[in-house]
C-alpha atoms as a PDB file:
ATOM      1  CA  MET A   1      10.831   2.830   0.425  1.00  0.00           C
ATOM      2  CA  SER A   2      10.743  -0.758  -1.760  1.00  0.00           C
ATOM      3  CA  ALA A   3      12.709  -2.600   0.791  1.00  0.00           C
ATOM      4  CA  HIS A   4       9.399  -4.088   2.046  1.00  0.00           C
ATOM      5  CA  ARG A   5       6.789  -7.112   1.351  1.00  0.00           C
ATOM      6  CA  PHE A   6       3.906  -5.122   0.208  1.00  0.00           C
ATOM      7  CA  CYS A   7       1.894  -6.722  -2.857  1.00  0.00           C
ATOM      8  CA  ILE A   8       3.083  -3.800  -5.207  1.00  0.00           C
ATOM      9  CA  GLU A   9       6.316  -4.874  -4.916  1.00  0.00           C
ATOM     10  CA  THR A  10       6.086  -8.757  -4.343  1.00  0.00           C
ATOM     11  CA  GLY A  11       3.615  -8.737  -7.598  1.00  0.00           C
ATOM     12  CA  ARG A  12       6.733  -7.677  -9.781  1.00  0.00           C
ATOM     13  CA  TYR A  13       8.870 -10.698  -9.568  1.00  0.00           C
ATOM     14  CA  GLY A  14       9.141 -14.054 -11.120  1.00  0.00           C
ATOM     15  CA  SER A  15       6.149 -16.044 -12.961  1.00  0.00           C
ATOM     16  CA  LYS A  16       3.318 -13.172 -10.995  1.00  0.00           C
ATOM     17  CA  ARG A  17       5.112 -10.153 -12.397  1.00  0.00           C
ATOM     18  CA  GLY A  18       2.608  -9.938 -15.503  1.00  0.00           C
ATOM     19  CA  ASN A  19      -0.771 -10.021 -13.311  1.00  0.00           C
ATOM     20  CA  LEU A  20      -1.902  -6.931 -12.068  1.00  0.00           C
ATOM     21  CA  LEU A  21      -3.962  -9.186  -9.648  1.00  0.00           C
ATOM     22  CA  ASN A  22      -0.829 -10.636  -7.665  1.00  0.00           C
ATOM     23  CA  ARG A  23      -0.356  -6.332  -6.297  1.00  0.00           C
ATOM     24  CA  ALA A  24      -3.929  -6.621  -5.155  1.00  0.00           C
ATOM     25  CA  CYS A  25      -4.080  -5.693  -1.130  1.00  0.00           C
ATOM     26  CA  PRO A  26      -5.104  -9.046   0.327  1.00  0.00           C
ATOM     27  CA  HIS A  27      -6.816  -7.459   3.506  1.00  0.00           C
ATOM     28  CA  CYS A  28      -9.122  -4.994   0.686  1.00  0.00           C
ATOM     29  CA  THR A  29      -9.701  -7.180  -1.813  1.00  0.00           C
ATOM     30  CA  THR A  30     -11.501 -10.220  -2.050  1.00  0.00           C
ATOM     31  CA  THR A  31      -8.745 -13.393  -2.386  1.00  0.00           C
ATOM     32  CA  GLU A  32     -11.308 -15.509  -4.264  1.00  0.00           C
ATOM     33  CA  LEU A  33      -9.315 -16.194  -7.204  1.00  0.00           C
ATOM     34  CA  GLY A  34     -12.250 -17.379  -9.587  1.00  0.00           C
ATOM     35  CA  PHE A  35     -13.765 -14.225  -8.646  1.00  0.00           C
ATOM     36  CA  LEU A  36     -10.735 -11.901  -9.138  1.00  0.00           C
ATOM     37  CA  GLU A  37     -10.601 -12.915 -12.221  1.00  0.00           C
ATOM     38  CA  ASP A  38     -13.442 -12.672 -13.911  1.00  0.00           C
ATOM     39  CA  LEU A  39     -13.628  -8.813 -12.532  1.00  0.00           C
ATOM     40  CA  ALA A  40     -10.391  -8.392 -14.361  1.00  0.00           C
ATOM     41  CA  GLU A  41     -11.943  -9.022 -17.869  1.00  0.00           C
ATOM     42  CA  LEU A  42     -14.763  -6.235 -16.814  1.00  0.00           C
ATOM     43  CA  PRO A  43     -13.142  -2.948 -18.795  1.00  0.00           C
ATOM     44  CA  CYS A  44     -13.660  -1.053 -15.934  1.00  0.00           C
ATOM     45  CA  PHE A  45     -11.796  -3.209 -13.315  1.00  0.00           C
ATOM     46  CA  ASP A  46      -9.398  -1.458 -11.258  1.00  0.00           C
ATOM     47  CA  PRO A  47      -8.490  -3.276  -8.338  1.00  0.00           C
ATOM     48  CA  ILE A  48      -7.005  -1.582  -4.732  1.00  0.00           C
ATOM     49  CA  VAL A  49      -3.448  -2.379  -5.040  1.00  0.00           C
ATOM     50  CA  GLU A  50      -1.318  -2.638  -1.969  1.00  0.00           C
ATOM     51  CA  ASP A  51       1.474   0.454  -2.525  1.00  0.00           C
ATOM     52  CA  GLU A  52       2.348   2.648  -0.034  1.00  0.00           C
ATOM     53  CA  LEU A  53       0.128   4.904  -0.237  1.00  0.00           C
ATOM     54  CA  HIS A  54      -2.651   2.443   0.140  1.00  0.00           C
ATOM     55  CA  VAL A  55      -0.565   1.431   2.836  1.00  0.00           C
ATOM     56  CA  LEU A  56      -0.190   4.721   4.604  1.00  0.00           C
ATOM     57  CA  ARG A  57      -4.126   6.401   3.854  1.00  0.00           C
ATOM     58  CA  CYS A  58      -6.339   3.652   4.283  1.00  0.00           C
ATOM     59  CA  CYS A  59      -5.769  -0.338   4.850  1.00  0.00           C
ATOM     60  CA  THR A  60      -7.429  -0.822   7.686  1.00  0.00           C
ATOM     61  CA  LEU A  61      -5.105  -3.774   8.539  1.00  0.00           C
ATOM     62  CA  TYR A  62      -2.295  -1.451   9.157  1.00  0.00           C
ATOM     63  CA  ASN A  63      -4.254   1.377  11.232  1.00  0.00           C
ATOM     64  CA  ASP A  64      -2.665  -0.059  14.313  1.00  0.00           C
ATOM     65  CA  VAL A  65       1.011   1.295  13.442  1.00  0.00           C
ATOM     66  CA  THR A  66      -0.445   3.820  10.791  1.00  0.00           C
ATOM     67  CA  ASN A  67      -2.586   5.473  14.227  1.00  0.00           C
ATOM     68  CA  CYS A  68       1.098   6.163  15.523  1.00  0.00           C
ATOM     69  CA  LEU A  69       2.274   8.561  13.147  1.00  0.00           C
ATOM     70  CA  SER A  70       2.089  12.106  14.535  1.00  0.00           C
ATOM     71  CA  GLN A  71      -0.589  14.667  13.480  1.00  0.00           C
ATOM     72  CA  PRO A  72       2.235  16.354  10.989  1.00  0.00           C
ATOM     73  CA  ALA A  73       2.967  13.316   9.480  1.00  0.00           C
ATOM     74  CA  LYS A  74      -0.768  12.578   9.099  1.00  0.00           C
ATOM     75  CA  SER A  75      -1.599  15.695   7.718  1.00  0.00           C
ATOM     76  CA  ALA A  76       1.591  15.183   4.976  1.00  0.00           C
ATOM     77  CA  ILE A  77       0.676  12.151   3.645  1.00  0.00           C
ATOM     78  CA  PHE A  78      -2.928  12.902   3.190  1.00  0.00           C
ATOM     79  CA  ALA A  79      -2.028  15.895   1.579  1.00  0.00           C
ATOM     80  CA  SER A  80       0.525  15.173  -0.563  1.00  0.00           C
ATOM     81  CA  VAL A  81       3.002  12.896   0.037  1.00  0.00           C
ATOM     82  CA  LYS A  82       5.313  14.975  -1.965  1.00  0.00           C
ATOM     83  CA  SER A  83       5.295  17.426   1.387  1.00  0.00           C
ATOM     84  CA  LEU A  84       6.202  14.379   3.367  1.00  0.00           C
ATOM     85  CA  PHE A  85       9.813  14.371   1.725  1.00  0.00           C
ATOM     86  CA  ASP A  86      10.077  18.003   2.725  1.00  0.00           C
ATOM     87  CA  ASP A  87      10.765  17.621   6.359  1.00  0.00           C
ATOM     88  CA  VAL A  88      13.373  15.335   7.057  1.00  0.00           C
ATOM     89  CA  ILE A  89      11.968  14.147  10.579  1.00  0.00           C
ATOM     90  CA  LEU A  90       8.007  13.673   9.033  1.00  0.00           C
ATOM     91  CA  VAL A  91      10.592  10.748   6.716  1.00  0.00           C
ATOM     92  CA  ARG A  92      12.302   9.153   9.507  1.00  0.00           C
ATOM     93  CA  GLU A  93       9.193   8.885  11.531  1.00  0.00           C
ATOM     94  CA  SER A  94       7.134   7.359   8.513  1.00  0.00           C
ATOM     95  CA  ALA A  95       9.971   5.034   7.719  1.00  0.00           C
ATOM     96  CA  ARG A  96      10.087   3.976  11.142  1.00  0.00           C
ATOM     97  CA  MET A  97       6.526   3.304  10.895  1.00  0.00           C
ATOM     98  CA  LEU A  98       6.760   1.277   7.682  1.00  0.00           C
ATOM     99  CA  VAL A  99       9.507  -1.139   9.101  1.00  0.00           C
ATOM    100  CA  LYS A 100       7.347  -2.566  11.812  1.00  0.00           C
ATOM    101  CA  ILE A 101       4.848  -3.539   9.262  1.00  0.00           C
ATOM    102  CA  PRO A 102       5.741  -7.243   8.974  1.00  0.00           C
END
């Protein structure tokens, strides 16, 4: 699933790679960099990282795409992503959905 443009991937490259803030979901996290940097100094700061699970499970930016998944695929994603890979049909369906995301 790493052939995508989610921040979990793009934030790993170049001069951005050392900063976890570059992997935060731009839709679910404030985009004001100064505020984020202040929050990052707190010991309990845990940004919402735009990774595959976040996109598949909870990011509202991708609701129109994830709503197209079948009920078995949605159930597998929320129960355990590992169970998604137990069924080739669900893997194909999820991959097709992820490819639609710009």
